[in-house]
Amino acid sequence: MRAILKYLGRPQDVNLEQIWTRNKPKNDLEIVQMIAQTSNTVLSDETKTKVHPLSDDWSTERERIAKEQEIASQNMFDDFSNPGGTE
């Protein structure tokens, strides 16, 4: 890194911190199965959404889920208010 800074004519007395992460291939199917099998007493729904491999933006996904649940519960109440279905 210092050689690059020297080549660019930039100051070389910069503190650098290296962070190494191991790149391990993920098996999305296994992750999804583990999430599905984990009870709500161990992980919250929010945490499950955060670690789900298909969810890019977990907060937006939680908002969508809440909206869908609200619509579903509203539809359930509508079904009970009109049991005959003809009125």
PDB file of N, CA and C in Angstrom:
ATOM      1  N   MET A   1       0.824  -1.178   0.000  1.00  0.00           N
ATOM      2  CA  MET A   1       0.000   0.000   0.000  1.00  0.00           C
ATOM      3  C   MET A   1       0.876   1.253   0.000  1.00  0.00           C
ATOM      4  N   ARG A   2       1.946   1.193   0.774  1.00  0.00           N
ATOM      5  CA  ARG A   2       2.833   2.356   0.831  1.00  0.00           C
ATOM      6  C   ARG A   2       3.474   2.624  -0.533  1.00  0.00           C
ATOM      7  N   ALA A   3       3.759   1.570  -1.288  1.00  0.00           N
ATOM      8  CA  ALA A   3       4.331   1.746  -2.624  1.00  0.00           C
ATOM      9  C   ALA A   3       3.340   2.469  -3.533  1.00  0.00           C
ATOM     10  N   ILE A   4       2.081   2.150  -3.396  1.00  0.00           N
ATOM     11  CA  ILE A   4       1.050   2.821  -4.196  1.00  0.00           C
ATOM     12  C   ILE A   4       0.960   4.292  -3.800  1.00  0.00           C
ATOM     13  N   LEU A   5       0.977   4.558  -2.483  1.00  0.00           N
ATOM     14  CA  LEU A   5       0.935   5.947  -2.017  1.00  0.00           C
ATOM     15  C   LEU A   5       2.151   6.728  -2.516  1.00  0.00           C
ATOM     16  N   LYS A   6       3.335   6.082  -2.477  1.00  0.00           N
ATOM     17  CA  LYS A   6       4.558   6.737  -2.950  1.00  0.00           C
ATOM     18  C   LYS A   6       4.448   7.032  -4.441  1.00  0.00           C
ATOM     19  N   TYR A   7       3.942   6.080  -5.205  1.00  0.00           N
ATOM     20  CA  TYR A   7       3.774   6.262  -6.649  1.00  0.00           C
ATOM     21  C   TYR A   7       2.817   7.413  -6.952  1.00  0.00           C
ATOM     22  N   LEU A   8       1.747   7.525  -6.148  1.00  0.00           N
ATOM     23  CA  LEU A   8       0.760   8.584  -6.361  1.00  0.00           C
ATOM     24  C   LEU A   8       1.211   9.933  -5.805  1.00  0.00           C
ATOM     25  N   GLY A   9       2.347   9.935  -5.085  1.00  0.00           N
ATOM     26  CA  GLY A   9       2.846  11.177  -4.509  1.00  0.00           C
ATOM     27  C   GLY A   9       2.082  11.597  -3.266  1.00  0.00           C
ATOM     28  N   ARG A  10       1.483  10.657  -2.605  1.00  0.00           N
ATOM     29  CA  ARG A  10       0.703  10.933  -1.390  1.00  0.00           C
ATOM     30  C   ARG A  10       1.562  10.650  -0.158  1.00  0.00           C
ATOM     31  N   PRO A  11       1.199  11.225   0.993  1.00  0.00           N
ATOM     32  CA  PRO A  11       1.951  10.939   2.226  1.00  0.00           C
ATOM     33  C   PRO A  11       1.887   9.445   2.565  1.00  0.00           C
ATOM     34  N   GLN A  12       3.036   8.927   2.998  1.00  0.00           N
ATOM     35  CA  GLN A  12       3.121   7.498   3.281  1.00  0.00           C
ATOM     36  C   GLN A  12       3.007   7.180   4.766  1.00  0.00           C
ATOM     37  N   ASP A  13       2.897   8.197   5.609  1.00  0.00           N
ATOM     38  CA  ASP A  13       2.856   7.962   7.050  1.00  0.00           C
ATOM     39  C   ASP A  13       1.416   7.759   7.545  1.00  0.00           C
ATOM     40  N   VAL A  14       0.648   7.031   6.787  1.00  0.00           N
ATOM     41  CA  VAL A  14      -0.750   6.762   7.123  1.00  0.00           C
ATOM     42  C   VAL A  14      -0.816   5.449   7.893  1.00  0.00           C
ATOM     43  N   ASN A  15      -1.598   5.433   8.966  1.00  0.00           N
ATOM     44  CA  ASN A  15      -1.800   4.185   9.698  1.00  0.00           C
ATOM     45  C   ASN A  15      -2.765   3.301   8.920  1.00  0.00           C
ATOM     46  N   LEU A  16      -2.337   2.089   8.648  1.00  0.00           N
ATOM     47  CA  LEU A  16      -3.158   1.140   7.906  1.00  0.00           C
ATOM     48  C   LEU A  16      -3.544  -0.015   8.812  1.00  0.00           C
ATOM     49  N   GLU A  17      -4.772  -0.456   8.672  1.00  0.00           N
ATOM     50  CA  GLU A  17      -5.236  -1.610   9.438  1.00  0.00           C
ATOM     51  C   GLU A  17      -5.745  -2.647   8.452  1.00  0.00           C
ATOM     52  N   GLN A  18      -5.160  -3.824   8.504  1.00  0.00           N
ATOM     53  CA  GLN A  18      -5.590  -4.896   7.614  1.00  0.00           C
ATOM     54  C   GLN A  18      -6.657  -5.724   8.310  1.00  0.00           C
ATOM     55  N   ILE A  19      -7.700  -6.008   7.576  1.00  0.00           N
ATOM     56  CA  ILE A  19      -8.769  -6.866   8.091  1.00  0.00           C
ATOM     57  C   ILE A  19      -8.925  -8.023   7.113  1.00  0.00           C
ATOM     58  N   TRP A  20      -8.745  -9.218   7.613  1.00  0.00           N
ATOM     59  CA  TRP A  20      -8.851 -10.409   6.778  1.00  0.00           C
ATOM     60  C   TRP A  20     -10.141 -11.142   7.118  1.00  0.00           C
ATOM     61  N   THR A  21     -10.888 -11.460   6.095  1.00  0.00           N
ATOM     62  CA  THR A  21     -12.087 -12.277   6.293  1.00  0.00           C
ATOM     63  C   THR A  21     -11.984 -13.494   5.389  1.00  0.00           C
ATOM     64  N   ARG A  22     -12.403 -14.599   5.920  1.00  0.00           N
ATOM     65  CA  ARG A  22     -12.370 -15.824   5.127  1.00  0.00           C
ATOM     66  C   ARG A  22     -13.609 -15.872   4.242  1.00  0.00           C
ATOM     67  N   ASN A  23     -13.393 -16.170   3.011  1.00  0.00           N
ATOM     68  CA  ASN A  23     -14.506 -16.290   2.078  1.00  0.00           C
ATOM     69  C   ASN A  23     -14.870 -17.760   1.948  1.00  0.00           C
ATOM     70  N   LYS A  24     -15.897 -18.124   2.654  1.00  0.00           N
ATOM     71  CA  LYS A  24     -16.357 -19.497   2.640  1.00  0.00           C
ATOM     72  C   LYS A  24     -17.633 -19.551   1.805  1.00  0.00           C
ATOM     73  N   PRO A  25     -17.691 -20.442   0.836  1.00  0.00           N
ATOM     74  CA  PRO A  25     -18.917 -20.530   0.045  1.00  0.00           C
ATOM     75  C   PRO A  25     -20.108 -20.865   0.937  1.00  0.00           C
ATOM     76  N   LYS A  26     -21.230 -20.214   0.650  1.00  0.00           N
ATOM     77  CA  LYS A  26     -22.425 -20.432   1.452  1.00  0.00           C
ATOM     78  C   LYS A  26     -23.389 -21.332   0.698  1.00  0.00           C
ATOM     79  N   ASN A  27     -24.020 -22.192   1.426  1.00  0.00           N
ATOM     80  CA  ASN A  27     -25.084 -23.005   0.866  1.00  0.00           C
ATOM     81  C   ASN A  27     -26.391 -22.368   1.330  1.00  0.00           C
ATOM     82  N   ASP A  28     -27.017 -21.591   0.437  1.00  0.00           N
ATOM     83  CA  ASP A  28     -28.224 -20.851   0.796  1.00  0.00           C
ATOM     84  C   ASP A  28     -29.348 -21.770   1.253  1.00  0.00           C
ATOM     85  N   LEU A  29     -29.460 -22.943   0.648  1.00  0.00           N
ATOM     86  CA  LEU A  29     -30.518 -23.876   1.035  1.00  0.00           C
ATOM     87  C   LEU A  29     -30.363 -24.287   2.498  1.00  0.00           C
ATOM     88  N   GLU A  30     -29.140 -24.594   2.914  1.00  0.00           N
ATOM     89  CA  GLU A  30     -28.903 -24.974   4.310  1.00  0.00           C
ATOM     90  C   GLU A  30     -29.237 -23.827   5.257  1.00  0.00           C
ATOM     91  N   ILE A  31     -28.863 -22.605   4.882  1.00  0.00           N
ATOM     92  CA  ILE A  31     -29.135 -21.445   5.729  1.00  0.00           C
ATOM     93  C   ILE A  31     -30.631 -21.244   5.881  1.00  0.00           C
ATOM     94  N   VAL A  32     -31.371 -21.326   4.768  1.00  0.00           N
ATOM     95  CA  VAL A  32     -32.824 -21.140   4.812  1.00  0.00           C
ATOM     96  C   VAL A  32     -33.474 -22.231   5.656  1.00  0.00           C
ATOM     97  N   GLN A  33     -33.019 -23.465   5.526  1.00  0.00           N
ATOM     98  CA  GLN A  33     -33.574 -24.560   6.325  1.00  0.00           C
ATOM     99  C   GLN A  33     -33.306 -24.345   7.813  1.00  0.00           C
ATOM    100  N   MET A  34     -32.107 -23.882   8.155  1.00  0.00           N
ATOM    101  CA  MET A  34     -31.797 -23.619   9.566  1.00  0.00           C
ATOM    102  C   MET A  34     -32.676 -22.504  10.117  1.00  0.00           C
ATOM    103  N   ILE A  35     -32.890 -21.460   9.316  1.00  0.00           N
ATOM    104  CA  ILE A  35     -33.741 -20.353   9.750  1.00  0.00           C
ATOM    105  C   ILE A  35     -35.158 -20.848   9.985  1.00  0.00           C
ATOM    106  N   ALA A  36     -35.671 -21.661   9.054  1.00  0.00           N
ATOM    107  CA  ALA A  36     -37.048 -22.154   9.154  1.00  0.00           C
ATOM    108  C   ALA A  36     -37.231 -23.067  10.363  1.00  0.00           C
ATOM    109  N   GLN A  37     -36.206 -23.810  10.721  1.00  0.00           N
ATOM    110  CA  GLN A  37     -36.316 -24.761  11.821  1.00  0.00           C
ATOM    111  C   GLN A  37     -36.015 -24.148  13.185  1.00  0.00           C
ATOM    112  N   THR A  38     -35.502 -22.936  13.212  1.00  0.00           N
ATOM    113  CA  THR A  38     -35.177 -22.285  14.477  1.00  0.00           C
ATOM    114  C   THR A  38     -36.434 -21.666  15.069  1.00  0.00           C
ATOM    115  N   SER A  39     -36.716 -22.006  16.314  1.00  0.00           N
ATOM    116  CA  SER A  39     -37.948 -21.509  16.941  1.00  0.00           C
ATOM    117  C   SER A  39     -37.834 -20.023  17.270  1.00  0.00           C
ATOM    118  N   ASN A  40     -38.977 -19.396  17.475  1.00  0.00           N
ATOM    119  CA  ASN A  40     -39.009 -17.968  17.788  1.00  0.00           C
ATOM    120  C   ASN A  40     -38.488 -17.674  19.186  1.00  0.00           C
ATOM    121  N   THR A  41     -38.333 -18.692  20.012  1.00  0.00           N
ATOM    122  CA  THR A  41     -37.760 -18.464  21.341  1.00  0.00           C
ATOM    123  C   THR A  41     -36.239 -18.363  21.280  1.00  0.00           C
ATOM    124  N   VAL A  42     -35.652 -18.779  20.161  1.00  0.00           N
ATOM    125  CA  VAL A  42     -34.200 -18.718  19.998  1.00  0.00           C
ATOM    126  C   VAL A  42     -33.793 -17.492  19.188  1.00  0.00           C
ATOM    127  N   LEU A  43     -34.490 -17.242  18.078  1.00  0.00           N
ATOM    128  CA  LEU A  43     -34.202 -16.095  17.209  1.00  0.00           C
ATOM    129  C   LEU A  43     -35.483 -15.329  16.931  1.00  0.00           C
ATOM    130  N   SER A  44     -35.388 -14.016  16.945  1.00  0.00           N
ATOM    131  CA  SER A  44     -36.551 -13.193  16.607  1.00  0.00           C
ATOM    132  C   SER A  44     -36.768 -13.212  15.098  1.00  0.00           C
ATOM    133  N   ASP A  45     -37.960 -12.840  14.681  1.00  0.00           N
ATOM    134  CA  ASP A  45     -38.250 -12.761  13.250  1.00  0.00           C
ATOM    135  C   ASP A  45     -37.348 -11.733  12.573  1.00  0.00           C
ATOM    136  N   GLU A  46     -37.025 -10.662  13.286  1.00  0.00           N
ATOM    137  CA  GLU A  46     -36.149  -9.633  12.725  1.00  0.00           C
ATOM    138  C   GLU A  46     -34.763 -10.197  12.432  1.00  0.00           C
ATOM    139  N   THR A  47     -34.218 -10.962  13.368  1.00  0.00           N
ATOM    140  CA  THR A  47     -32.902 -11.568  13.170  1.00  0.00           C
ATOM    141  C   THR A  47     -32.940 -12.571  12.030  1.00  0.00           C
ATOM    142  N   LYS A  48     -34.016 -13.347  11.954  1.00  0.00           N
ATOM    143  CA  LYS A  48     -34.149 -14.307  10.856  1.00  0.00           C
ATOM    144  C   LYS A  48     -34.164 -13.586   9.514  1.00  0.00           C
ATOM    145  N   THR A  49     -34.825 -12.439   9.457  1.00  0.00           N
ATOM    146  CA  THR A  49     -34.868 -11.669   8.215  1.00  0.00           C
ATOM    147  C   THR A  49     -33.490 -11.107   7.889  1.00  0.00           C
ATOM    148  N   LYS A  50     -32.748 -10.674   8.911  1.00  0.00           N
ATOM    149  CA  LYS A  50     -31.407 -10.111   8.689  1.00  0.00           C
ATOM    150  C   LYS A  50     -30.458 -11.130   8.075  1.00  0.00           C
ATOM    151  N   VAL A  51     -30.533 -12.385   8.526  1.00  0.00           N
ATOM    152  CA  VAL A  51     -29.574 -13.392   8.067  1.00  0.00           C
ATOM    153  C   VAL A  51     -30.061 -14.182   6.857  1.00  0.00           C
ATOM    154  N   HIS A  52     -31.291 -13.933   6.412  1.00  0.00           N
ATOM    155  CA  HIS A  52     -31.831 -14.677   5.270  1.00  0.00           C
ATOM    156  C   HIS A  52     -31.079 -14.288   3.997  1.00  0.00           C
ATOM    157  N   PRO A  53     -30.590 -15.262   3.234  1.00  0.00           N
ATOM    158  CA  PRO A  53     -29.772 -14.949   2.059  1.00  0.00           C
ATOM    159  C   PRO A  53     -30.537 -14.264   0.923  1.00  0.00           C
ATOM    160  N   LEU A  54     -31.852 -14.360   0.894  1.00  0.00           N
ATOM    161  CA  LEU A  54     -32.626 -13.735  -0.182  1.00  0.00           C
ATOM    162  C   LEU A  54     -33.043 -12.311   0.148  1.00  0.00           C
ATOM    163  N   SER A  55     -32.784 -11.863   1.360  1.00  0.00           N
ATOM    164  CA  SER A  55     -33.191 -10.531   1.796  1.00  0.00           C
ATOM    165  C   SER A  55     -32.002  -9.577   1.732  1.00  0.00           C
ATOM    166  N   ASP A  56     -32.062  -8.618   0.802  1.00  0.00           N
ATOM    167  CA  ASP A  56     -30.977  -7.640   0.676  1.00  0.00           C
ATOM    168  C   ASP A  56     -31.120  -6.505   1.682  1.00  0.00           C
ATOM    169  N   ASP A  57     -32.342  -6.013   1.861  1.00  0.00           N
ATOM    170  CA  ASP A  57     -32.610  -4.906   2.776  1.00  0.00           C
ATOM    171  C   ASP A  57     -33.614  -5.386   3.819  1.00  0.00           C
ATOM    172  N   TRP A  58     -33.110  -5.818   4.962  1.00  0.00           N
ATOM    173  CA  TRP A  58     -33.971  -6.473   5.945  1.00  0.00           C
ATOM    174  C   TRP A  58     -35.025  -5.536   6.517  1.00  0.00           C
ATOM    175  N   SER A  59     -34.716  -4.254   6.683  1.00  0.00           N
ATOM    176  CA  SER A  59     -35.696  -3.338   7.279  1.00  0.00           C
ATOM    177  C   SER A  59     -36.877  -3.119   6.339  1.00  0.00           C
ATOM    178  N   THR A  60     -36.609  -2.985   5.052  1.00  0.00           N
ATOM    179  CA  THR A  60     -37.696  -2.859   4.078  1.00  0.00           C
ATOM    180  C   THR A  60     -38.509  -4.141   4.032  1.00  0.00           C
ATOM    181  N   GLU A  61     -37.840  -5.262   4.123  1.00  0.00           N
ATOM    182  CA  GLU A  61     -38.532  -6.552   4.105  1.00  0.00           C
ATOM    183  C   GLU A  61     -39.452  -6.695   5.318  1.00  0.00           C
ATOM    184  N   ARG A  62     -38.981  -6.246   6.490  1.00  0.00           N
ATOM    185  CA  ARG A  62     -39.827  -6.315   7.696  1.00  0.00           C
ATOM    186  C   ARG A  62     -41.059  -5.424   7.530  1.00  0.00           C
ATOM    187  N   GLU A  63     -40.895  -4.252   6.907  1.00  0.00           N
ATOM    188  CA  GLU A  63     -42.038  -3.368   6.662  1.00  0.00           C
ATOM    189  C   GLU A  63     -43.041  -4.036   5.730  1.00  0.00           C
ATOM    190  N   ARG A  64     -42.546  -4.690   4.700  1.00  0.00           N
ATOM    191  CA  ARG A  64     -43.433  -5.393   3.761  1.00  0.00           C
ATOM    192  C   ARG A  64     -44.184  -6.523   4.458  1.00  0.00           C
ATOM    193  N   ILE A  65     -43.483  -7.264   5.296  1.00  0.00           N
ATOM    194  CA  ILE A  65     -44.114  -8.367   6.022  1.00  0.00           C
ATOM    195  C   ILE A  65     -45.210  -7.834   6.933  1.00  0.00           C
ATOM    196  N   ALA A  66     -44.930  -6.750   7.647  1.00  0.00           N
ATOM    197  CA  ALA A  66     -45.933  -6.158   8.545  1.00  0.00           C
ATOM    198  C   ALA A  66     -47.157  -5.703   7.761  1.00  0.00           C
ATOM    199  N   LYS A  67     -46.923  -5.101   6.595  1.00  0.00           N
ATOM    200  CA  LYS A  67     -48.031  -4.634   5.759  1.00  0.00           C
ATOM    201  C   LYS A  67     -48.867  -5.816   5.259  1.00  0.00           C
ATOM    202  N   GLU A  68     -48.195  -6.890   4.825  1.00  0.00           N
ATOM    203  CA  GLU A  68     -48.905  -8.080   4.356  1.00  0.00           C
ATOM    204  C   GLU A  68     -49.710  -8.722   5.479  1.00  0.00           C
ATOM    205  N   GLN A  69     -49.148  -8.766   6.685  1.00  0.00           N
ATOM    206  CA  GLN A  69     -49.871  -9.346   7.818  1.00  0.00           C
ATOM    207  C   GLN A  69     -51.086  -8.511   8.176  1.00  0.00           C
ATOM    208  N   GLU A  70     -50.950  -7.198   8.076  1.00  0.00           N
ATOM    209  CA  GLU A  70     -52.076  -6.311   8.360  1.00  0.00           C
ATOM    210  C   GLU A  70     -53.204  -6.532   7.351  1.00  0.00           C
ATOM    211  N   ILE A  71     -52.863  -6.650   6.078  1.00  0.00           N
ATOM    212  CA  ILE A  71     -53.865  -6.896   5.036  1.00  0.00           C
ATOM    213  C   ILE A  71     -54.522  -8.255   5.241  1.00  0.00           C
ATOM    214  N   ALA A  72     -53.726  -9.264   5.577  1.00  0.00           N
ATOM    215  CA  ALA A  72     -54.272 -10.604   5.794  1.00  0.00           C
ATOM    216  C   ALA A  72     -55.227 -10.625   6.974  1.00  0.00           C
ATOM    217  N   SER A  73     -54.878  -9.945   8.064  1.00  0.00           N
ATOM    218  CA  SER A  73     -55.775  -9.929   9.225  1.00  0.00           C
ATOM    219  C   SER A  73     -57.035  -9.135   8.914  1.00  0.00           C
ATOM    220  N   GLN A  74     -56.921  -8.077   8.128  1.00  0.00           N
ATOM    221  CA  GLN A  74     -58.094  -7.300   7.720  1.00  0.00           C
ATOM    222  C   GLN A  74     -59.018  -8.158   6.860  1.00  0.00           C
ATOM    223  N   ASN A  75     -58.447  -8.926   5.941  1.00  0.00           N
ATOM    224  CA  ASN A  75     -59.248  -9.816   5.095  1.00  0.00           C
ATOM    225  C   ASN A  75     -59.927 -10.894   5.921  1.00  0.00           C
ATOM    226  N   MET A  76     -59.257 -11.372   6.964  1.00  0.00           N
ATOM    227  CA  MET A  76     -59.843 -12.388   7.822  1.00  0.00           C
ATOM    228  C   MET A  76     -61.064 -11.822   8.539  1.00  0.00           C
ATOM    229  N   PHE A  77     -60.977 -10.588   9.032  1.00  0.00           N
ATOM    230  CA  PHE A  77     -62.119  -9.970   9.703  1.00  0.00           C
ATOM    231  C   PHE A  77     -63.250  -9.697   8.722  1.00  0.00           C
ATOM    232  N   ASP A  78     -62.923  -9.345   7.491  1.00  0.00           N
ATOM    233  CA  ASP A  78     -63.945  -9.118   6.473  1.00  0.00           C
ATOM    234  C   ASP A  78     -64.707 -10.402   6.177  1.00  0.00           C
ATOM    235  N   ASP A  79     -64.011 -11.536   6.164  1.00  0.00           N
ATOM    236  CA  ASP A  79     -64.666 -12.819   5.914  1.00  0.00           C
ATOM    237  C   ASP A  79     -65.659 -13.153   7.014  1.00  0.00           C
ATOM    238  N   PHE A  80     -65.325 -12.823   8.268  1.00  0.00           N
ATOM    239  CA  PHE A  80     -66.223 -13.130   9.380  1.00  0.00           C
ATOM    240  C   PHE A  80     -67.401 -12.164   9.451  1.00  0.00           C
ATOM    241  N   SER A  81     -67.232 -10.956   8.953  1.00  0.00           N
ATOM    242  CA  SER A  81     -68.322  -9.987   9.019  1.00  0.00           C
ATOM    243  C   SER A  81     -69.385 -10.272   7.968  1.00  0.00           C
ATOM    244  N   ASN A  82     -69.044 -11.048   6.944  1.00  0.00           N
ATOM    245  CA  ASN A  82     -69.998 -11.389   5.897  1.00  0.00           C
ATOM    246  C   ASN A  82     -69.949 -12.898   5.665  1.00  0.00           C
ATOM    247  N   PRO A  83     -70.523 -13.714   6.595  1.00  0.00           N
ATOM    248  CA  PRO A  83     -70.384 -15.161   6.499  1.00  0.00           C
ATOM    249  C   PRO A  83     -71.106 -15.762   5.300  1.00  0.00           C
ATOM    250  N   GLY A  84     -72.201 -15.143   4.847  1.00  0.00           N
ATOM    251  CA  GLY A  84     -72.936 -15.690   3.711  1.00  0.00           C
ATOM    252  C   GLY A  84     -72.270 -15.394   2.392  1.00  0.00           C
ATOM    253  N   GLY A  85     -71.554 -14.310   2.339  1.00  0.00           N
ATOM    254  CA  GLY A  85     -70.832 -13.947   1.143  1.00  0.00           C
ATOM    255  C   GLY A  85     -71.682 -13.296   0.077  1.00  0.00           C
ATOM    256  N   THR A  86     -72.998 -13.086   0.318  1.00  0.00           N
ATOM    257  CA  THR A  86     -73.855 -12.511  -0.719  1.00  0.00           C
ATOM    258  C   THR A  86     -74.280 -11.097  -0.400  1.00  0.00           C
ATOM    259  N   GLU A  87     -74.052 -10.628   0.776  1.00  0.00           N
ATOM    260  CA  GLU A  87     -74.522  -9.294   1.159  1.00  0.00           C
ATOM    261  C   GLU A  87     -73.519  -8.234   0.846  1.00  0.00           C
TER     262      GLU A  87
END
